[in-house]
Amino acid sequence: MNPNTCVRCSSAELQPGKLWGYHQVRFVPESRRFLSLFSSVKVRALVCMNCGTVNLAAEQAAVAEIMK
């Protein structure tokens, strides 16, 4: 899967942004070994300008570091 294309329609017309509510959306692994303020990863959002699908991504290296 190409991270620069839409997962639904394969369009390359993606607009970057972030999901926002009361707090920014973050990913927290279920099997993390400890609780910490630093044990979450920012989630990146990309909206497909062709079909409207919201694609979410997290930095794999950051998730791997939390899981150590």
N, C-alpha and C. Protein backbone atom coordinates (compact mmCIF):
# COMPACT_ATOMS: atom_id res chain seq x y z
N MET A 1 0.85 -1.18 0.00
CA MET A 1 0.00 0.00 0.00
C MET A 1 0.90 1.25 0.00
N ASN A 2 0.60 2.15 -0.88
CA ASN A 2 1.35 3.40 -0.99
C ASN A 2 0.77 4.43 -0.02
N PRO A 3 1.57 4.98 0.91
CA PRO A 3 1.04 5.95 1.88
C PRO A 3 0.64 7.28 1.25
N ASN A 4 0.99 7.49 -0.02
CA ASN A 4 0.66 8.74 -0.70
C ASN A 4 -0.56 8.61 -1.60
N THR A 5 -1.30 7.53 -1.45
CA THR A 5 -2.53 7.35 -2.22
C THR A 5 -3.67 6.96 -1.30
N CYS A 6 -4.88 7.25 -1.72
CA CYS A 6 -6.08 6.93 -0.95
C CYS A 6 -6.28 5.41 -0.86
N VAL A 7 -6.63 4.93 0.31
CA VAL A 7 -6.85 3.49 0.50
C VAL A 7 -8.14 3.02 -0.16
N ARG A 8 -9.04 3.94 -0.46
CA ARG A 8 -10.33 3.57 -1.06
C ARG A 8 -10.32 3.65 -2.58
N CYS A 9 -9.84 4.77 -3.14
CA CYS A 9 -9.94 4.97 -4.59
C CYS A 9 -8.59 5.08 -5.30
N SER A 10 -7.49 5.00 -4.55
CA SER A 10 -6.11 5.08 -5.07
C SER A 10 -5.75 6.44 -5.65
N SER A 11 -6.52 7.48 -5.37
CA SER A 11 -6.20 8.82 -5.84
C SER A 11 -4.98 9.34 -5.10
N ALA A 12 -4.19 10.15 -5.77
CA ALA A 12 -3.03 10.79 -5.14
C ALA A 12 -3.36 12.19 -4.64
N GLU A 13 -4.62 12.60 -4.76
CA GLU A 13 -5.04 13.94 -4.34
C GLU A 13 -5.42 13.93 -2.86
N LEU A 14 -4.42 13.93 -1.99
CA LEU A 14 -4.64 13.88 -0.55
C LEU A 14 -4.29 15.22 0.08
N GLN A 15 -5.14 15.67 0.98
CA GLN A 15 -4.93 16.93 1.70
C GLN A 15 -4.56 16.59 3.15
N PRO A 16 -3.34 16.92 3.61
CA PRO A 16 -2.96 16.60 4.98
C PRO A 16 -3.67 17.50 5.99
N GLY A 17 -3.83 16.97 7.18
CA GLY A 17 -4.44 17.72 8.28
C GLY A 17 -4.38 16.89 9.55
N LYS A 18 -5.21 17.20 10.51
CA LYS A 18 -5.27 16.42 11.74
C LYS A 18 -6.70 16.38 12.25
N LEU A 19 -7.01 15.32 12.98
CA LEU A 19 -8.32 15.21 13.63
C LEU A 19 -8.23 15.98 14.93
N TRP A 20 -9.26 16.72 15.24
CA TRP A 20 -9.21 17.56 16.42
C TRP A 20 -10.56 17.54 17.11
N GLY A 21 -10.54 17.47 18.40
CA GLY A 21 -11.73 17.55 19.23
C GLY A 21 -11.34 18.36 20.44
N TYR A 22 -11.73 17.90 21.60
CA TYR A 22 -11.31 18.56 22.83
C TYR A 22 -9.79 18.48 22.98
N HIS A 23 -9.24 17.33 22.58
CA HIS A 23 -7.80 17.11 22.56
C HIS A 23 -7.44 16.52 21.21
N GLN A 24 -6.18 16.61 20.84
CA GLN A 24 -5.73 16.01 19.60
C GLN A 24 -5.81 14.49 19.71
N VAL A 25 -6.16 13.82 18.62
CA VAL A 25 -6.25 12.37 18.60
C VAL A 25 -4.85 11.77 18.60
N ARG A 26 -4.64 10.77 19.47
CA ARG A 26 -3.34 10.10 19.56
C ARG A 26 -3.56 8.60 19.61
N PHE A 27 -2.57 7.85 19.15
CA PHE A 27 -2.61 6.39 19.17
C PHE A 27 -1.88 5.90 20.41
N VAL A 28 -2.51 4.96 21.14
CA VAL A 28 -1.89 4.34 22.32
C VAL A 28 -1.98 2.83 22.13
N PRO A 29 -0.84 2.13 22.02
CA PRO A 29 -0.88 0.68 21.85
C PRO A 29 -1.53 -0.01 23.05
N GLU A 30 -2.34 -1.02 22.81
CA GLU A 30 -2.99 -1.75 23.89
C GLU A 30 -1.99 -2.49 24.76
N SER A 31 -0.92 -2.99 24.16
CA SER A 31 0.02 -3.82 24.90
C SER A 31 1.26 -3.07 25.36
N ARG A 32 1.15 -1.75 25.53
CA ARG A 32 2.32 -1.02 26.03
C ARG A 32 2.66 -1.50 27.44
N ARG A 33 3.89 -1.35 27.81
CA ARG A 33 4.36 -1.93 29.07
C ARG A 33 4.17 -1.03 30.28
N PHE A 34 3.98 0.25 30.08
CA PHE A 34 3.86 1.17 31.20
C PHE A 34 3.01 2.36 30.79
N LEU A 35 2.48 3.05 31.76
CA LEU A 35 1.73 4.28 31.50
C LEU A 35 2.68 5.46 31.59
N SER A 36 2.60 6.31 30.63
CA SER A 36 3.47 7.49 30.60
C SER A 36 2.84 8.53 29.71
N LEU A 37 3.15 9.78 29.95
CA LEU A 37 2.69 10.84 29.06
C LEU A 37 3.32 10.71 27.68
N PHE A 38 4.45 10.00 27.62
CA PHE A 38 5.17 9.86 26.37
C PHE A 38 4.88 8.54 25.68
N SER A 39 3.86 7.82 26.09
CA SER A 39 3.56 6.52 25.49
C SER A 39 2.39 6.60 24.52
N SER A 40 2.32 7.69 23.77
CA SER A 40 1.31 7.82 22.73
C SER A 40 1.96 8.47 21.50
N VAL A 41 1.33 8.29 20.36
CA VAL A 41 1.88 8.76 19.09
C VAL A 41 0.83 9.63 18.40
N LYS A 42 1.25 10.75 17.87
CA LYS A 42 0.34 11.61 17.11
C LYS A 42 -0.18 10.86 15.89
N VAL A 43 -1.44 11.09 15.58
CA VAL A 43 -2.06 10.49 14.41
C VAL A 43 -2.17 11.56 13.32
N ARG A 44 -1.69 11.22 12.15
CA ARG A 44 -1.73 12.12 11.00
C ARG A 44 -2.95 11.77 10.17
N ALA A 45 -3.66 12.76 9.66
CA ALA A 45 -4.85 12.54 8.85
C ALA A 45 -4.64 13.09 7.44
N LEU A 46 -5.13 12.35 6.46
CA LEU A 46 -5.11 12.78 5.07
C LEU A 46 -6.51 12.58 4.51
N VAL A 47 -7.08 13.63 3.94
CA VAL A 47 -8.41 13.53 3.34
C VAL A 47 -8.25 13.44 1.83
N CYS A 48 -8.91 12.45 1.24
CA CYS A 48 -8.87 12.29 -0.21
C CYS A 48 -9.80 13.33 -0.83
N MET A 49 -9.25 14.15 -1.72
CA MET A 49 -10.04 15.19 -2.37
C MET A 49 -10.91 14.61 -3.48
N ASN A 50 -10.71 13.34 -3.82
CA ASN A 50 -11.48 12.69 -4.87
C ASN A 50 -12.75 12.04 -4.30
N CYS A 51 -12.63 11.30 -3.20
CA CYS A 51 -13.79 10.56 -2.68
C CYS A 51 -14.18 10.94 -1.25
N GLY A 52 -13.34 11.73 -0.55
CA GLY A 52 -13.68 12.17 0.80
C GLY A 52 -13.26 11.24 1.92
N THR A 53 -12.61 10.16 1.60
CA THR A 53 -12.17 9.22 2.63
C THR A 53 -11.08 9.86 3.49
N VAL A 54 -11.15 9.62 4.80
CA VAL A 54 -10.12 10.11 5.72
C VAL A 54 -9.16 8.96 6.00
N ASN A 55 -7.91 9.13 5.63
CA ASN A 55 -6.86 8.14 5.87
C ASN A 55 -6.10 8.56 7.12
N LEU A 56 -5.84 7.62 8.02
CA LEU A 56 -5.10 7.90 9.25
C LEU A 56 -3.77 7.17 9.23
N ALA A 57 -2.73 7.81 9.76
CA ALA A 57 -1.41 7.19 9.80
C ALA A 57 -0.68 7.63 11.06
N ALA A 58 0.15 6.72 11.58
CA ALA A 58 1.01 7.02 12.72
C ALA A 58 2.44 6.69 12.32
N GLU A 59 3.41 7.35 12.93
CA GLU A 59 4.81 7.08 12.61
C GLU A 59 5.21 5.72 13.20
N GLN A 60 5.58 4.80 12.34
CA GLN A 60 5.91 3.43 12.77
C GLN A 60 7.08 3.39 13.74
N ALA A 61 8.07 4.22 13.53
CA ALA A 61 9.25 4.22 14.41
C ALA A 61 8.87 4.64 15.83
N ALA A 62 7.94 5.60 15.95
CA ALA A 62 7.50 6.05 17.27
C ALA A 62 6.72 4.96 17.99
N VAL A 63 5.90 4.23 17.26
CA VAL A 63 5.14 3.13 17.87
C VAL A 63 6.11 2.02 18.32
N ALA A 64 7.08 1.70 17.47
CA ALA A 64 8.07 0.67 17.83
C ALA A 64 8.85 1.06 19.08
N GLU A 65 9.18 2.34 19.23
CA GLU A 65 9.91 2.81 20.41
C GLU A 65 9.08 2.64 21.68
N ILE A 66 7.78 2.90 21.61
CA ILE A 66 6.90 2.72 22.76
C ILE A 66 6.82 1.26 23.17
N MET A 67 6.84 0.36 22.18
CA MET A 67 6.66 -1.06 22.45
C MET A 67 7.91 -1.73 23.02
N LYS A 68 9.04 -1.04 23.06
CA LYS A 68 10.27 -1.63 23.63
C LYS A 68 10.14 -1.86 25.10
